[in-house]
C-alpha atoms as a PDB file:
ATOM      1  CA  MET A   1       0.123  -0.078   0.126  1.00  0.00           C
ATOM      2  CA  LEU A   2       1.451   3.452  -1.067  1.00  0.00           C
ATOM      3  CA  LYS A   3       1.995   5.934   1.577  1.00  0.00           C
ATOM      4  CA  PRO A   4       0.048   9.321   1.295  1.00  0.00           C
ATOM      5  CA  VAL A   5       2.638  12.060   0.187  1.00  0.00           C
ATOM      6  CA  ASN A   6       1.869  14.305   3.420  1.00  0.00           C
ATOM      7  CA  PHE A   7       0.618  11.777   5.797  1.00  0.00           C
ATOM      8  CA  TYR A   8       0.990  13.928   9.041  1.00  0.00           C
ATOM      9  CA  GLN A   9      -1.059  16.428   7.664  1.00  0.00           C
ATOM     10  CA  GLN A  10      -3.752  14.425   6.619  1.00  0.00           C
ATOM     11  CA  LEU A  11      -4.143  13.145  10.062  1.00  0.00           C
ATOM     12  CA  ALA A  12      -3.356  16.657  11.998  1.00  0.00           C
ATOM     13  CA  SER A  13      -5.814  17.781  10.127  1.00  0.00           C
ATOM     14  CA  LYS A  14      -8.464  15.190  11.389  1.00  0.00           C
ATOM     15  CA  MET A  15      -6.974  15.856  14.701  1.00  0.00           C
ATOM     16  CA  ASN A  16      -7.113  19.735  14.691  1.00  0.00           C
ATOM     17  CA  ALA A  17      -3.474  19.398  15.473  1.00  0.00           C
ATOM     18  CA  ASN A  18      -0.760  22.645  14.552  1.00  0.00           C
ATOM     19  CA  PRO A  19      -3.934  24.823  14.186  1.00  0.00           C
ATOM     20  CA  GLN A  20      -1.349  27.867  13.596  1.00  0.00           C
ATOM     21  CA  GLY A  21       0.743  26.182  10.635  1.00  0.00           C
ATOM     22  CA  LYS A  22       3.976  26.387  12.365  1.00  0.00           C
ATOM     23  CA  ASP A  23       6.809  24.381  11.743  1.00  0.00           C
ATOM     24  CA  PRO A  24       7.430  21.177  13.808  1.00  0.00           C
ATOM     25  CA  ALA A  25      10.048  21.659  16.519  1.00  0.00           C
ATOM     26  CA  PRO A  26      13.208  20.160  15.517  1.00  0.00           C
ATOM     27  CA  ILE A  27      13.444  16.528  17.433  1.00  0.00           C
ATOM     28  CA  SER A  28      16.829  14.723  18.170  1.00  0.00           C
ATOM     29  CA  VAL A  29      17.046  10.635  18.789  1.00  0.00           C
ATOM     30  CA  LEU A  30      19.899   9.466  20.742  1.00  0.00           C
ATOM     31  CA  SER A  31      21.174   5.926  20.257  1.00  0.00           C
ATOM     32  CA  LEU A  32      24.053   5.026  21.821  1.00  0.00           C
ATOM     33  CA  ASN A  33      23.478   1.262  21.962  1.00  0.00           C
ATOM     34  CA  PRO A  34      21.979   0.312  18.580  1.00  0.00           C
ATOM     35  CA  SER A  35      21.641  -3.590  17.403  1.00  0.00           C
ATOM     36  CA  LEU A  36      21.281  -5.589  14.325  1.00  0.00           C
ATOM     37  CA  ASP A  37      17.642  -7.193  14.965  1.00  0.00           C
ATOM     38  CA  MET A  38      17.260 -10.849  13.918  1.00  0.00           C
ATOM     39  CA  THR A  39      13.812 -12.095  13.955  1.00  0.00           C
ATOM     40  CA  TYR A  40      13.019 -16.351  13.550  1.00  0.00           C
ATOM     41  CA  GLU A  41       9.308 -17.573  13.333  1.00  0.00           C
ATOM     42  CA  VAL A  42       9.621 -21.267  13.993  1.00  0.00           C
ATOM     43  CA  SER A  43       6.824 -23.780  14.796  1.00  0.00           C
ATOM     44  CA  SER A  44       8.349 -24.981  18.192  1.00  0.00           C
ATOM     45  CA  LEU A  45      11.010 -24.805  20.146  1.00  0.00           C
ATOM     46  CA  LEU A  46      12.300 -28.003  21.501  1.00  0.00           C
ATOM     47  CA  GLU A  47      14.716 -28.868  23.989  1.00  0.00           C
ATOM     48  CA  ASP A  48      17.756 -30.152  22.442  1.00  0.00           C
ATOM     49  CA  GLN A  49      16.358 -29.993  19.012  1.00  0.00           C
ATOM     50  CA  LYS A  50      17.252 -27.556  16.211  1.00  0.00           C
ATOM     51  CA  ALA A  51      14.123 -25.606  15.311  1.00  0.00           C
ATOM     52  CA  HIS A  52      13.780 -24.759  11.187  1.00  0.00           C
ATOM     53  CA  ALA A  53      12.783 -21.105  10.437  1.00  0.00           C
ATOM     54  CA  LEU A  54       9.484 -20.417   8.808  1.00  0.00           C
ATOM     55  CA  ALA A  55      10.813 -16.711   8.567  1.00  0.00           C
ATOM     56  CA  THR A  56      13.257 -14.651   8.892  1.00  0.00           C
ATOM     57  CA  ARG A  57      13.821 -11.233   8.986  1.00  0.00           C
ATOM     58  CA  TYR A  58      16.521  -8.514   9.384  1.00  0.00           C
ATOM     59  CA  ASP A  59      15.840  -4.796  10.830  1.00  0.00           C
ATOM     60  CA  PRO A  60      17.802  -1.921  12.309  1.00  0.00           C
ATOM     61  CA  GLY A  61      16.999  -2.252  15.771  1.00  0.00           C
ATOM     62  CA  GLY A  62      17.295  -0.581  19.105  1.00  0.00           C
ATOM     63  CA  ASN A  63      14.828   1.610  20.886  1.00  0.00           C
ATOM     64  CA  GLY A  64      15.934   5.001  19.641  1.00  0.00           C
ATOM     65  CA  ILE A  65      16.484   3.634  16.175  1.00  0.00           C
ATOM     66  CA  ASN A  66      12.793   1.907  16.473  1.00  0.00           C
ATOM     67  CA  VAL A  67      11.816   6.095  17.416  1.00  0.00           C
ATOM     68  CA  GLY A  68      13.754   7.513  14.492  1.00  0.00           C
ATOM     69  CA  ARG A  69      12.094   5.004  12.104  1.00  0.00           C
ATOM     70  CA  ALA A  70       8.552   5.576  13.513  1.00  0.00           C
ATOM     71  CA  LEU A  71       8.721   9.473  13.126  1.00  0.00           C
ATOM     72  CA  LYS A  72       9.984   9.209   9.413  1.00  0.00           C
ATOM     73  CA  ARG A  73       6.853   7.272   8.828  1.00  0.00           C
ATOM     74  CA  LEU A  74       4.914  10.024  10.353  1.00  0.00           C
ATOM     75  CA  ASP A  75       6.383  12.496   8.159  1.00  0.00           C
ATOM     76  CA  THR A  76       7.926  13.989  11.018  1.00  0.00           C
ATOM     77  CA  LEU A  77      11.824  15.267  10.845  1.00  0.00           C
ATOM     78  CA  ALA A  78      14.217  13.540  13.214  1.00  0.00           C
ATOM     79  CA  HIS A  79      18.122  13.766  13.470  1.00  0.00           C
ATOM     80  CA  ASN A  80      19.288  10.432  15.047  1.00  0.00           C
ATOM     81  CA  TYR A  81      22.749  10.058  16.663  1.00  0.00           C
ATOM     82  CA  CYS A  82      24.200   6.275  16.859  1.00  0.00           C
ATOM     83  CA  VAL A  83      27.044   4.408  17.908  1.00  0.00           C
ATOM     84  CA  ILE A  84      28.163   1.713  15.325  1.00  0.00           C
ATOM     85  CA  ALA A  85      30.868  -0.458  15.385  1.00  0.00           C
ATOM     86  CA  GLY A  86      32.543  -3.362  12.732  1.00  0.00           C
ATOM     87  CA  GLU A  87      30.713  -5.253  10.630  1.00  0.00           C
ATOM     88  CA  ILE A  88      27.699  -5.780  11.882  1.00  0.00           C
ATOM     89  CA  GLY A  89      27.763  -1.826  12.573  1.00  0.00           C
ATOM     90  CA  GLN A  90      28.376  -1.360   8.773  1.00  0.00           C
ATOM     91  CA  LEU A  91      25.214  -3.398   7.756  1.00  0.00           C
ATOM     92  CA  LEU A  92      23.464  -1.793  10.297  1.00  0.00           C
ATOM     93  CA  HIS A  93      24.776   1.946   8.667  1.00  0.00           C
ATOM     94  CA  ARG A  94      23.867   0.897   5.090  1.00  0.00           C
ATOM     95  CA  LEU A  95      19.836  -0.239   6.570  1.00  0.00           C
ATOM     96  CA  LEU A  96      19.584   2.894   8.237  1.00  0.00           C
ATOM     97  CA  GLY A  97      19.936   4.887   5.318  1.00  0.00           C
ATOM     98  CA  HIS A  98      16.644   3.201   3.997  1.00  0.00           C
ATOM     99  CA  HIS A  99      14.899   3.973   7.476  1.00  0.00           C
ATOM    100  CA  LEU A 100      15.733   7.137   8.787  1.00  0.00           C
ATOM    101  CA  ASP A 101      15.982  10.921   7.128  1.00  0.00           C
ATOM    102  CA  ALA A 102      19.356  12.279   8.967  1.00  0.00           C
ATOM    103  CA  VAL A 103      22.151  10.098  10.458  1.00  0.00           C
ATOM    104  CA  GLN A 104      25.259  10.971  12.190  1.00  0.00           C
ATOM    105  CA  VAL A 105      27.054   7.980  13.419  1.00  0.00           C
ATOM    106  CA  GLU A 106      30.251   7.679  15.508  1.00  0.00           C
ATOM    107  CA  GLU A 107      32.278   4.846  14.696  1.00  0.00           C
ATOM    108  CA  VAL A 108      34.004   3.173  17.276  1.00  0.00           C
ATOM    109  CA  ALA A 109      36.343  -0.417  18.019  1.00  0.00           C
ATOM    110  CA  GLY A 110      34.215  -3.969  18.359  1.00  0.00           C
ATOM    111  CA  GLU A 111      30.907  -5.135  17.210  1.00  0.00           C
ATOM    112  CA  THR A 112      27.124  -3.767  16.859  1.00  0.00           C
ATOM    113  CA  ARG A 113      25.184  -6.112  19.025  1.00  0.00           C
ATOM    114  CA  ILE A 114      22.756  -8.167  17.495  1.00  0.00           C
ATOM    115  CA  ASN A 115      19.250  -8.826  19.232  1.00  0.00           C
ATOM    116  CA  GLY A 116      17.330 -11.873  18.592  1.00  0.00           C
ATOM    117  CA  THR A 117      13.714 -12.698  18.599  1.00  0.00           C
ATOM    118  CA  VAL A 118      12.028 -16.059  17.910  1.00  0.00           C
ATOM    119  CA  LEU A 119       8.346 -16.510  17.439  1.00  0.00           C
ATOM    120  CA  GLU A 120       6.526 -19.387  18.441  1.00  0.00           C
ATOM    121  CA  ARG A 121       3.815 -20.315  15.922  1.00  0.00           C
ATOM    122  CA  GLU A 122       2.189 -23.143  17.728  1.00  0.00           C
ATOM    123  CA  SER A 123       2.096 -20.816  21.166  1.00  0.00           C
ATOM    124  CA  ARG A 124       1.651 -17.597  19.977  1.00  0.00           C
ATOM    125  CA  VAL A 125       4.633 -17.114  22.292  1.00  0.00           C
ATOM    126  CA  GLN A 126       7.754 -14.420  21.734  1.00  0.00           C
ATOM    127  CA  TYR A 127      11.553 -14.914  22.986  1.00  0.00           C
ATOM    128  CA  GLU A 128      13.637 -11.988  23.166  1.00  0.00           C
ATOM    129  CA  VAL A 129      17.284 -11.881  23.655  1.00  0.00           C
ATOM    130  CA  SER A 130      19.358  -8.806  23.722  1.00  0.00           C
ATOM    131  CA  GLY A 131      23.022  -8.601  22.732  1.00  0.00           C
ATOM    132  CA  ILE A 132      25.703  -6.381  24.444  1.00  0.00           C
ATOM    133  CA  GLY A 133      27.123  -3.490  22.844  1.00  0.00           C
ATOM    134  CA  PRO A 134      30.450  -2.629  22.307  1.00  0.00           C
ATOM    135  CA  PRO A 135      32.129   0.336  24.578  1.00  0.00           C
ATOM    136  CA  VAL A 136      32.636   3.723  23.879  1.00  0.00           C
ATOM    137  CA  PRO A 137      35.533   5.800  24.870  1.00  0.00           C
ATOM    138  CA  ASP A 138      34.880   8.951  26.396  1.00  0.00           C
ATOM    139  CA  SER A 139      36.151  11.646  23.493  1.00  0.00           C
ATOM    140  CA  GLN A 140      33.978   9.731  21.074  1.00  0.00           C
ATOM    141  CA  LEU A 141      31.104   9.553  23.871  1.00  0.00           C
ATOM    142  CA  GLN A 142      31.125  13.051  24.163  1.00  0.00           C
ATOM    143  CA  THR A 143      31.736  14.472  20.585  1.00  0.00           C
ATOM    144  CA  LEU A 144      28.502  12.473  19.648  1.00  0.00           C
ATOM    145  CA  LEU A 145      26.571  13.834  22.883  1.00  0.00           C
ATOM    146  CA  ASP A 146      27.630  17.375  22.171  1.00  0.00           C
ATOM    147  CA  LEU A 147      26.229  17.186  18.605  1.00  0.00           C
ATOM    148  CA  PHE A 148      23.218  15.719  20.087  1.00  0.00           C
ATOM    149  CA  THR A 149      22.213  18.282  22.668  1.00  0.00           C
ATOM    150  CA  GLU A 150      23.067  21.303  20.448  1.00  0.00           C
ATOM    151  CA  ARG A 151      20.527  19.563  17.724  1.00  0.00           C
ATOM    152  CA  SER A 152      17.987  19.414  21.065  1.00  0.00           C
ATOM    153  CA  HIS A 153      18.042  23.049  21.720  1.00  0.00           C
ATOM    154  CA  PHE A 154      14.600  24.907  21.017  1.00  0.00           C
ATOM    155  CA  GLY A 155      13.229  21.187  20.124  1.00  0.00           C
ATOM    156  CA  PHE A 156      12.929  17.680  21.626  1.00  0.00           C
ATOM    157  CA  GLY A 157      15.711  15.567  22.607  1.00  0.00           C
ATOM    158  CA  VAL A 158      14.838  11.685  22.931  1.00  0.00           C
ATOM    159  CA  LEU A 159      16.952   9.564  25.199  1.00  0.00           C
ATOM    160  CA  THR A 160      16.055   6.200  25.275  1.00  0.00           C
ATOM    161  CA  GLY A 161      17.162   2.528  25.274  1.00  0.00           C
ATOM    162  CA  SER A 162      19.564   0.744  26.824  1.00  0.00           C
ATOM    163  CA  LEU A 163      23.286   1.835  27.785  1.00  0.00           C
ATOM    164  CA  GLN A 164      26.492  -0.117  27.421  1.00  0.00           C
ATOM    165  CA  LYS A 165      28.216  -1.410  30.529  1.00  0.00           C
ATOM    166  CA  GLY A 166      30.720   1.114  31.957  1.00  0.00           C
ATOM    167  CA  LEU A 167      28.438   4.212  31.000  1.00  0.00           C
ATOM    168  CA  SER A 168      26.740   5.932  33.912  1.00  0.00           C
ATOM    169  CA  SER A 169      23.580   5.295  35.421  1.00  0.00           C
ATOM    170  CA  HIS A 170      23.139   9.104  35.599  1.00  0.00           C
ATOM    171  CA  LEU A 171      24.079   9.846  31.943  1.00  0.00           C
ATOM    172  CA  TYR A 172      20.554  10.204  30.870  1.00  0.00           C
ATOM    173  CA  ALA A 173      19.750  12.837  34.094  1.00  0.00           C
ATOM    174  CA  GLU A 174      22.763  15.054  32.976  1.00  0.00           C
ATOM    175  CA  LEU A 175      21.592  15.002  29.423  1.00  0.00           C
ATOM    176  CA  VAL A 176      18.275  16.172  30.638  1.00  0.00           C
ATOM    177  CA  GLU A 177      19.526  18.983  32.634  1.00  0.00           C
ATOM    178  CA  LYS A 178      21.840  19.852  29.368  1.00  0.00           C
ATOM    179  CA  ILE A 179      18.806  20.119  27.124  1.00  0.00           C
ATOM    180  CA  HIS A 180      16.835  21.906  29.458  1.00  0.00           C
ATOM    181  CA  ALA A 181      19.573  24.282  29.804  1.00  0.00           C
ATOM    182  CA  GLY A 182      19.565  25.176  25.895  1.00  0.00           C
ATOM    183  CA  GLY A 183      15.798  25.686  25.532  1.00  0.00           C
ATOM    184  CA  GLY A 184      14.651  22.333  24.698  1.00  0.00           C
ATOM    185  CA  ARG A 185      12.427  19.681  26.145  1.00  0.00           C
ATOM    186  CA  ALA A 186      13.642  15.593  27.339  1.00  0.00           C
ATOM    187  CA  VAL A 187      11.801  12.641  26.276  1.00  0.00           C
ATOM    188  CA  VAL A 188      13.281   9.498  28.488  1.00  0.00           C
ATOM    189  CA  ASP A 189      12.048   5.863  28.246  1.00  0.00           C
ATOM    190  CA  ALA A 190      14.161   4.013  30.150  1.00  0.00           C
ATOM    191  CA  HIS A 191      14.012   1.781  32.994  1.00  0.00           C
ATOM    192  CA  ASP A 192      15.575   0.770  36.380  1.00  0.00           C
ATOM    193  CA  GLU A 193      18.272   3.306  38.232  1.00  0.00           C
ATOM    194  CA  VAL A 194      18.403   5.191  34.975  1.00  0.00           C
ATOM    195  CA  LEU A 195      15.132   6.023  34.826  1.00  0.00           C
ATOM    196  CA  ARG A 196      14.970   6.642  38.594  1.00  0.00           C
ATOM    197  CA  HIS A 197      17.620   9.169  38.089  1.00  0.00           C
ATOM    198  CA  ALA A 198      16.245  11.077  34.934  1.00  0.00           C
ATOM    199  CA  VAL A 199      12.882  11.815  37.199  1.00  0.00           C
ATOM    200  CA  GLU A 200      14.977  13.718  39.403  1.00  0.00           C
ATOM    201  CA  ALA A 201      16.221  15.868  36.538  1.00  0.00           C
ATOM    202  CA  GLY A 202      12.552  16.775  35.490  1.00  0.00           C
ATOM    203  CA  PRO A 203      12.325  15.747  31.778  1.00  0.00           C
ATOM    204  CA  PHE A 204       9.093  16.821  29.216  1.00  0.00           C
ATOM    205  CA  LEU A 205       7.992  13.311  29.276  1.00  0.00           C
ATOM    206  CA  ILE A 206       8.922   9.749  30.800  1.00  0.00           C
ATOM    207  CA  LYS A 207       7.317   6.763  28.905  1.00  0.00           C
ATOM    208  CA  PRO A 208       7.764   3.366  31.498  1.00  0.00           C
ATOM    209  CA  ASN A 209       5.434   0.517  30.853  1.00  0.00           C
ATOM    210  CA  ARG A 210       3.411  -0.667  33.870  1.00  0.00           C
ATOM    211  CA  HIS A 211       6.215  -3.124  34.904  1.00  0.00           C
ATOM    212  CA  GLU A 212       8.794  -0.634  34.570  1.00  0.00           C
ATOM    213  CA  LEU A 213       6.696   1.735  37.127  1.00  0.00           C
ATOM    214  CA  GLU A 214       6.015  -0.824  39.558  1.00  0.00           C
ATOM    215  CA  THR A 215      10.060  -1.912  39.539  1.00  0.00           C
ATOM    216  CA  LEU A 216      10.476   1.887  39.850  1.00  0.00           C
ATOM    217  CA  LEU A 217       8.281   2.654  43.044  1.00  0.00           C
ATOM    218  CA  GLY A 218       8.781  -1.167  44.407  1.00  0.00           C
ATOM    219  CA  GLN A 219       5.072  -1.901  44.363  1.00  0.00           C
ATOM    220  CA  GLU A 220       2.194  -3.345  42.534  1.00  0.00           C
ATOM    221  CA  LEU A 221      -0.127  -1.408  40.738  1.00  0.00           C
ATOM    222  CA  ALA A 222      -3.177  -3.045  40.783  1.00  0.00           C
ATOM    223  CA  SER A 223      -5.930  -1.156  38.622  1.00  0.00           C
ATOM    224  CA  ILE A 224      -5.823   1.615  36.143  1.00  0.00           C
ATOM    225  CA  GLU A 225      -6.454   4.253  38.882  1.00  0.00           C
ATOM    226  CA  ASP A 226      -3.362   2.902  41.017  1.00  0.00           C
ATOM    227  CA  VAL A 227      -1.087   3.520  38.118  1.00  0.00           C
ATOM    228  CA  ALA A 228      -2.885   7.295  37.090  1.00  0.00           C
ATOM    229  CA  THR A 229      -2.466   7.925  41.158  1.00  0.00           C
ATOM    230  CA  GLN A 230       1.578   7.075  41.215  1.00  0.00           C
ATOM    231  CA  ALA A 231       1.665   8.924  37.576  1.00  0.00           C
ATOM    232  CA  ARG A 232       0.492  11.955  39.179  1.00  0.00           C
ATOM    233  CA  LYS A 233       2.883  11.608  42.007  1.00  0.00           C
ATOM    234  CA  LEU A 234       5.800  11.379  39.412  1.00  0.00           C
ATOM    235  CA  GLN A 235       4.706  14.704  37.294  1.00  0.00           C
ATOM    236  CA  ARG A 236       4.269  16.738  40.808  1.00  0.00           C
ATOM    237  CA  ARG A 237       7.752  16.084  41.103  1.00  0.00           C
ATOM    238  CA  GLY A 238       8.946  17.886  38.513  1.00  0.00           C
ATOM    239  CA  VAL A 239       8.102  15.501  35.287  1.00  0.00           C
ATOM    240  CA  THR A 240       5.419  17.748  32.613  1.00  0.00           C
ATOM    241  CA  TYR A 241       3.973  14.237  31.314  1.00  0.00           C
ATOM    242  CA  VAL A 242       4.127  10.678  32.322  1.00  0.00           C
ATOM    243  CA  CYS A 243       2.839   8.271  29.918  1.00  0.00           C
ATOM    244  CA  VAL A 244       2.342   4.542  31.170  1.00  0.00           C
ATOM    245  CA  SER A 245       2.150   1.820  28.524  1.00  0.00           C
ATOM    246  CA  LEU A 246      -0.565  -0.653  29.207  1.00  0.00           C
ATOM    247  CA  GLY A 247      -0.182  -3.461  26.571  1.00  0.00           C
ATOM    248  CA  ALA A 248      -3.425  -4.387  25.212  1.00  0.00           C
ATOM    249  CA  GLU A 249      -5.589  -1.954  27.658  1.00  0.00           C
ATOM    250  CA  GLY A 250      -3.821   1.347  25.795  1.00  0.00           C
ATOM    251  CA  ALA A 251      -1.716   3.676  27.862  1.00  0.00           C
ATOM    252  CA  LEU A 252      -2.613   6.601  29.980  1.00  0.00           C
ATOM    253  CA  LEU A 253      -0.772  10.467  30.229  1.00  0.00           C
ATOM    254  CA  THR A 254      -1.024  12.406  33.255  1.00  0.00           C
ATOM    255  CA  GLY A 255       0.191  15.959  32.662  1.00  0.00           C
ATOM    256  CA  PRO A 256      -0.219  19.488  34.101  1.00  0.00           C
ATOM    257  CA  ASP A 257      -4.300  19.423  33.386  1.00  0.00           C
ATOM    258  CA  ASN A 258      -5.476  16.200  33.823  1.00  0.00           C
ATOM    259  CA  THR A 259      -5.105  12.129  33.363  1.00  0.00           C
ATOM    260  CA  HIS A 260      -6.179  10.707  29.946  1.00  0.00           C
ATOM    261  CA  LEU A 261      -6.957   6.951  29.458  1.00  0.00           C
ATOM    262  CA  ALA A 262      -6.716   6.092  25.774  1.00  0.00           C
ATOM    263  CA  THR A 263      -8.232   2.411  25.334  1.00  0.00           C
ATOM    264  CA  ALA A 264      -6.229   0.444  22.433  1.00  0.00           C
ATOM    265  CA  PRO A 265      -8.060  -0.564  19.288  1.00  0.00           C
ATOM    266  CA  ASP A 266      -8.812  -4.718  19.329  1.00  0.00           C
ATOM    267  CA  VAL A 267      -6.156  -6.039  16.879  1.00  0.00           C
ATOM    268  CA  PRO A 268      -4.427  -9.285  15.753  1.00  0.00           C
ATOM    269  CA  VAL A 269      -0.908  -9.372  17.663  1.00  0.00           C
ATOM    270  CA  ASP A 270       1.793 -11.173  15.686  1.00  0.00           C
ATOM    271  CA  SER A 271       4.766  -9.106  17.683  1.00  0.00           C
ATOM    272  CA  THR A 272       5.103  -6.472  20.465  1.00  0.00           C
ATOM    273  CA  VAL A 273       8.584  -5.408  19.671  1.00  0.00           C
ATOM    274  CA  GLY A 274       9.002  -1.739  18.886  1.00  0.00           C
ATOM    275  CA  SER A 275       4.885  -0.977  19.947  1.00  0.00           C
ATOM    276  CA  GLY A 276       6.372   0.951  22.918  1.00  0.00           C
ATOM    277  CA  ASP A 277       8.783   3.194  20.554  1.00  0.00           C
ATOM    278  CA  SER A 278       5.807   3.560  18.400  1.00  0.00           C
ATOM    279  CA  LEU A 279       3.936   4.945  20.819  1.00  0.00           C
ATOM    280  CA  VAL A 280       6.628   7.412  21.833  1.00  0.00           C
ATOM    281  CA  ALA A 281       6.936   8.237  18.159  1.00  0.00           C
ATOM    282  CA  GLY A 282       3.206   8.852  17.707  1.00  0.00           C
ATOM    283  CA  MET A 283       2.970  11.290  21.121  1.00  0.00           C
ATOM    284  CA  LEU A 284       6.166  12.656  19.890  1.00  0.00           C
ATOM    285  CA  ALA A 285       5.514  13.490  16.490  1.00  0.00           C
ATOM    286  CA  ALA A 286       1.601  15.184  17.934  1.00  0.00           C
ATOM    287  CA  PHE A 287       3.590  17.358  20.443  1.00  0.00           C
ATOM    288  CA  ALA A 288       6.193  18.523  17.876  1.00  0.00           C
ATOM    289  CA  HIS A 289       3.396  20.202  15.740  1.00  0.00           C
ATOM    290  CA  ASN A 290       1.766  21.438  18.919  1.00  0.00           C
ATOM    291  CA  SER A 291      -1.188  18.757  19.125  1.00  0.00           C
ATOM    292  CA  PRO A 292      -3.188  18.697  22.602  1.00  0.00           C
ATOM    293  CA  ALA A 293      -1.771  16.309  25.145  1.00  0.00           C
ATOM    294  CA  GLU A 294      -5.034  14.115  24.932  1.00  0.00           C
ATOM    295  CA  LYS A 295      -4.740  13.748  21.208  1.00  0.00           C
ATOM    296  CA  ALA A 296      -0.681  13.156  20.913  1.00  0.00           C
ATOM    297  CA  LEU A 297      -1.832  10.138  23.185  1.00  0.00           C
ATOM    298  CA  CYS A 298      -4.575   8.909  21.017  1.00  0.00           C
ATOM    299  CA  GLN A 299      -2.026   8.661  18.112  1.00  0.00           C
ATOM    300  CA  GLY A 300       0.941   6.978  19.910  1.00  0.00           C
ATOM    301  CA  VAL A 301      -1.567   4.614  20.845  1.00  0.00           C
ATOM    302  CA  ALA A 302      -2.435   3.800  17.096  1.00  0.00           C
ATOM    303  CA  CYS A 303       1.154   3.897  16.547  1.00  0.00           C
ATOM    304  CA  GLY A 304       1.278   1.273  19.063  1.00  0.00           C
ATOM    305  CA  ALA A 305      -1.456  -1.109  17.644  1.00  0.00           C
ATOM    306  CA  GLY A 306      -0.331  -0.659  14.055  1.00  0.00           C
ATOM    307  CA  THR A 307       3.070  -2.223  14.908  1.00  0.00           C
ATOM    308  CA  VAL A 308       1.876  -5.084  17.364  1.00  0.00           C
ATOM    309  CA  GLN A 309       0.062  -6.467  13.898  1.00  0.00           C
ATOM    310  CA  GLN A 310       3.729  -6.421  11.820  1.00  0.00           C
ATOM    311  CA  ALA A 311       6.041  -9.303  11.857  1.00  0.00           C
ATOM    312  CA  GLY A 312       9.101  -9.296  13.740  1.00  0.00           C
ATOM    313  CA  THR A 313      10.861  -5.800  14.047  1.00  0.00           C
ATOM    314  CA  GLU A 314       8.834  -4.093  11.777  1.00  0.00           C
ATOM    315  CA  LEU A 315       6.802  -0.713  12.757  1.00  0.00           C
ATOM    316  CA  PHE A 316       3.326   0.378  11.548  1.00  0.00           C
ATOM    317  CA  ASP A 317       2.172   1.014   8.066  1.00  0.00           C
ATOM    318  CA  SER A 318       1.014   4.432   8.025  1.00  0.00           C
ATOM    319  CA  ALA A 319      -1.657   4.285   5.488  1.00  0.00           C
ATOM    320  CA  GLN A 320      -3.821   2.463   8.532  1.00  0.00           C
ATOM    321  CA  LEU A 321      -3.297   5.017  10.948  1.00  0.00           C
ATOM    322  CA  PRO A 322      -6.407   6.989  10.186  1.00  0.00           C
ATOM    323  CA  ASP A 323      -8.637   3.785  10.525  1.00  0.00           C
ATOM    324  CA  LEU A 324      -6.531   2.809  14.137  1.00  0.00           C
ATOM    325  CA  LEU A 325      -6.884   6.378  15.581  1.00  0.00           C
ATOM    326  CA  ALA A 326     -10.580   6.592  14.841  1.00  0.00           C
ATOM    327  CA  ARG A 327     -11.050   3.209  16.947  1.00  0.00           C
ATOM    328  CA  VAL A 328      -8.923   4.328  19.805  1.00  0.00           C
ATOM    329  CA  GLY A 329     -11.049   5.362  23.474  1.00  0.00           C
ATOM    330  CA  LEU A 330     -10.660   7.978  25.054  1.00  0.00           C
ATOM    331  CA  ARG A 331     -11.768   9.157  28.704  1.00  0.00           C
ATOM    332  CA  GLN A 332     -10.984  11.988  31.157  1.00  0.00           C
ATOM    333  CA  LEU A 333      -9.809  10.137  34.768  1.00  0.00           C
ATOM    334  CA  ASP A 334      -9.950  13.453  36.986  1.00  0.00           C
ATOM    335  CA  ILE A 335      -6.645  12.087  38.736  1.00  0.00           C
END
């Protein structure tokens, strides 16, 4: 199916976004630990037995790369800053030319990691193995970070994905402060200590999933109301927007004015890889085009719903988004 020439403008008209017709805010995406994603679909896995693939695909991967890929499908320009290494890195670099609009790479020694996903057709169970990325020398890291933060000034800087061993868990928090000091807005999608420290720096948006939020808080969140209550507490600590992804239930967004819950359309699920990144990109594209928060949430949920229908680490088909968007439910929680 052909992609409409001006997809985002058509969707923005439907959502009444960017009414002043201003240019979108610039977006920069940092990918310190990208990957080559290999996906195998098999009938079943048996202990100590070879499984023959029914289908195989290779995609550029990593959370930041997926956000950049999704933004391109939303006709929203993003500048992407990546670390690559070795032969796998060269292959990844070539693939990125087809998936991203603007790419700045820093090449280091070692090998770019390979992430593996196995989809078991009989059980519909998904197995994932995340590889280990190459170390990044301090001088090269600083070069890439300087370029990234400078581009983020007066726009959005996206910090997402895992960090290589040896990098400080405070790194994203430090970058949040630098982005904000330059007049930009930081978006963080991380977990564990990296997220904990980033929250203290007060980013514009964070996007934990329900499990990551429970881990951050050290408590189970049994209901949507529990999730919303804890999201509000985080928001009051200095985070402008807290979005919590809820899988098949959709996502909620807590901001300065209210909390909204967007319920996901009922769609067949092939693979969940990249759905959270698509949610981030959908919201970010809307925010960059000056769309209201609740409509940004709906667009993000529609993007996530489109991605789970795709094989492996493939992302949503932009031509299907208007229909998915129309099927997203929205209600105000007053929390």
